Amino acid sequence: MFAAVALTQHRPCPKPSIAVAPREPYVTRGPTEVVVGLYVQGGPFIPDCRQEPQGPDGGTVTLRSRGGTIVASQTVRGAGKLFVLHVAPGTYTLGAQRGDGIRLRSASVTVREGHTVRQDLFEDVP
């Protein structure tokens, strides 16, 4: 008679190096700017882990006016940093492309004078 033994390797739960905002958009008093993190969410199920987005990742973030004109753009190389875009008050379309070339879904952001808007963007993976 043979007994089956299952060997499991315990992997640590992935955590973001900078936490995502508690809600989106997250508006606070501060400089008139947009702060963005690029994150990956989803992926393989890991038992006993709470799935959290991973990141933030590097890439390029662009803010466009309602007419489509680029008003601000920033490229960050490497992971673990947020994008900070200083802009005039207004409503913008936020777009991003990760460093690996994957485009993330865009979002609309409204920036008021004397407020910072945190709007993270996510890549969903199965």
Protein backbone atom coordinates (compact mmCIF):
# COMPACT_ATOMS: atom_id res chain seq x y z
CA MET A 1 0.00 0.00 0.00
CA PHE A 2 1.29 3.43 -0.93
CA ALA A 3 0.43 6.67 0.81
CA ALA A 4 0.14 9.81 -1.28
CA VAL A 5 1.98 12.77 0.09
CA ALA A 6 1.28 16.22 -1.25
CA LEU A 7 4.11 18.67 -1.09
CA THR A 8 3.15 22.29 -1.26
CA GLN A 9 5.45 25.19 -1.50
CA HIS A 10 4.38 28.14 0.60
CA ARG A 11 4.71 31.31 -1.45
CA PRO A 12 4.43 34.72 0.13
CA CYS A 13 1.35 36.76 -0.71
CA PRO A 14 2.25 39.47 -3.24
CA LYS A 15 1.70 42.99 -1.94
CA PRO A 16 2.00 46.33 -3.70
CA SER A 17 5.12 48.31 -2.86
CA ILE A 18 2.89 51.41 -2.61
CA ALA A 19 -0.72 50.80 -1.58
CA VAL A 20 -3.54 51.68 -3.95
CA ALA A 21 -5.84 54.55 -3.03
CA PRO A 22 -8.67 53.65 -0.63
CA ARG A 23 -11.16 54.70 -3.33
CA GLU A 24 -10.90 56.10 -6.84
CA PRO A 25 -10.60 58.95 -7.47
CA TYR A 26 -9.15 59.88 -4.09
CA VAL A 27 -9.17 63.66 -3.68
CA THR A 28 -7.29 65.50 -0.94
CA ARG A 29 -6.24 69.08 -0.33
CA GLY A 30 -2.77 69.76 -1.68
CA PRO A 31 -0.96 70.77 -4.85
CA THR A 32 -3.10 70.95 -7.99
CA GLU A 33 -1.96 67.66 -9.50
CA VAL A 34 -2.84 64.12 -10.52
CA VAL A 35 -1.02 61.19 -8.87
CA VAL A 36 -1.17 57.84 -10.67
CA GLY A 37 -0.03 54.30 -9.95
CA LEU A 38 -0.03 51.55 -12.58
CA TYR A 39 -1.02 48.18 -11.11
CA VAL A 40 -1.73 44.60 -12.20
CA GLN A 41 -4.65 42.85 -10.54
CA GLY A 42 -5.86 39.29 -10.75
CA GLY A 43 -3.66 36.43 -11.81
CA PRO A 44 -3.29 32.95 -10.39
CA PHE A 45 -5.06 32.07 -7.17
CA ILE A 46 -2.74 31.59 -4.20
CA PRO A 47 -4.34 29.70 -1.29
CA ASP A 48 -4.53 31.58 2.01
CA CYS A 49 -3.71 34.90 0.35
CA ARG A 50 -5.80 38.00 -0.03
CA GLN A 51 -5.35 38.97 -3.69
CA GLU A 52 -4.06 42.52 -3.85
CA PRO A 53 -2.97 44.50 -6.89
CA GLN A 54 0.73 44.28 -7.64
CA GLY A 55 2.82 47.33 -8.50
CA PRO A 56 3.10 50.16 -9.06
CA ASP A 57 4.89 49.61 -12.36
CA GLY A 58 6.77 51.93 -14.68
CA GLY A 59 5.54 53.20 -18.02
CA THR A 60 4.14 56.39 -19.50
CA VAL A 61 1.11 58.32 -18.28
CA THR A 62 -0.59 61.00 -20.39
CA LEU A 63 -3.29 63.55 -19.57
CA ARG A 64 -5.34 64.88 -22.47
CA SER A 65 -7.76 67.79 -22.58
CA ARG A 66 -11.33 67.30 -23.74
CA GLY A 67 -10.16 68.21 -27.24
CA GLY A 68 -7.51 65.47 -27.18
CA THR A 69 -4.48 67.75 -26.74
CA ILE A 70 -1.75 66.34 -24.49
CA VAL A 71 -1.44 68.67 -21.48
CA ALA A 72 0.95 66.55 -19.39
CA SER A 73 2.99 63.38 -19.84
CA GLN A 74 5.50 61.55 -17.68
CA THR A 75 7.58 58.40 -18.11
CA VAL A 76 8.81 56.43 -15.11
CA ARG A 77 11.35 53.67 -15.63
CA GLY A 78 11.28 50.81 -13.18
CA ALA A 79 8.75 49.81 -10.56
CA GLY A 80 7.83 51.19 -7.18
CA LYS A 81 7.10 54.82 -8.08
CA LEU A 82 4.00 56.91 -8.63
CA PHE A 83 3.51 59.40 -11.46
CA VAL A 84 2.93 63.03 -10.41
CA LEU A 85 1.50 65.38 -13.03
CA HIS A 86 1.11 69.09 -12.16
CA VAL A 87 -1.80 70.54 -14.14
CA ALA A 88 -4.22 73.43 -14.23
CA PRO A 89 -7.71 72.76 -12.85
CA GLY A 90 -9.93 71.00 -15.38
CA THR A 91 -11.29 67.70 -16.62
CA TYR A 92 -8.89 65.36 -18.37
CA THR A 93 -8.64 61.89 -19.85
CA LEU A 94 -5.91 59.86 -18.18
CA GLY A 95 -4.21 57.20 -20.29
CA ALA A 96 -1.22 54.96 -19.67
CA GLN A 97 1.05 52.42 -21.23
CA ARG A 98 3.12 50.13 -19.04
CA GLY A 99 6.83 49.68 -19.68
CA ASP A 100 6.10 46.35 -21.39
CA GLY A 101 3.89 48.12 -23.95
CA ILE A 102 0.50 47.11 -22.57
CA ARG A 103 -2.06 49.94 -22.67
CA LEU A 104 -4.31 50.35 -19.66
CA ARG A 105 -7.94 51.40 -19.74
CA SER A 106 -8.29 55.19 -19.60
CA ALA A 107 -10.12 57.16 -16.91
CA SER A 108 -11.61 60.63 -16.66
CA VAL A 109 -10.29 62.87 -13.87
CA THR A 110 -11.45 66.26 -12.67
CA VAL A 111 -8.86 68.40 -10.90
CA ARG A 112 -9.86 71.36 -8.74
CA GLU A 113 -7.56 74.19 -7.64
CA GLY A 114 -5.70 73.28 -4.43
CA HIS A 115 -6.53 69.56 -4.64
CA THR A 116 -4.57 66.42 -5.46
CA VAL A 117 -6.38 63.63 -7.31
CA ARG A 118 -5.09 60.08 -6.92
CA GLN A 119 -6.35 57.90 -9.77
CA ASP A 120 -4.71 54.51 -10.18
CA LEU A 121 -4.98 52.49 -13.39
CA PHE A 122 -5.19 48.70 -13.45
CA GLU A 123 -4.40 45.89 -15.87
CA ASP A 124 -6.71 42.96 -15.25
CA VAL A 125 -5.19 39.52 -15.81
CA PRO A 126 -7.04 36.20 -15.60
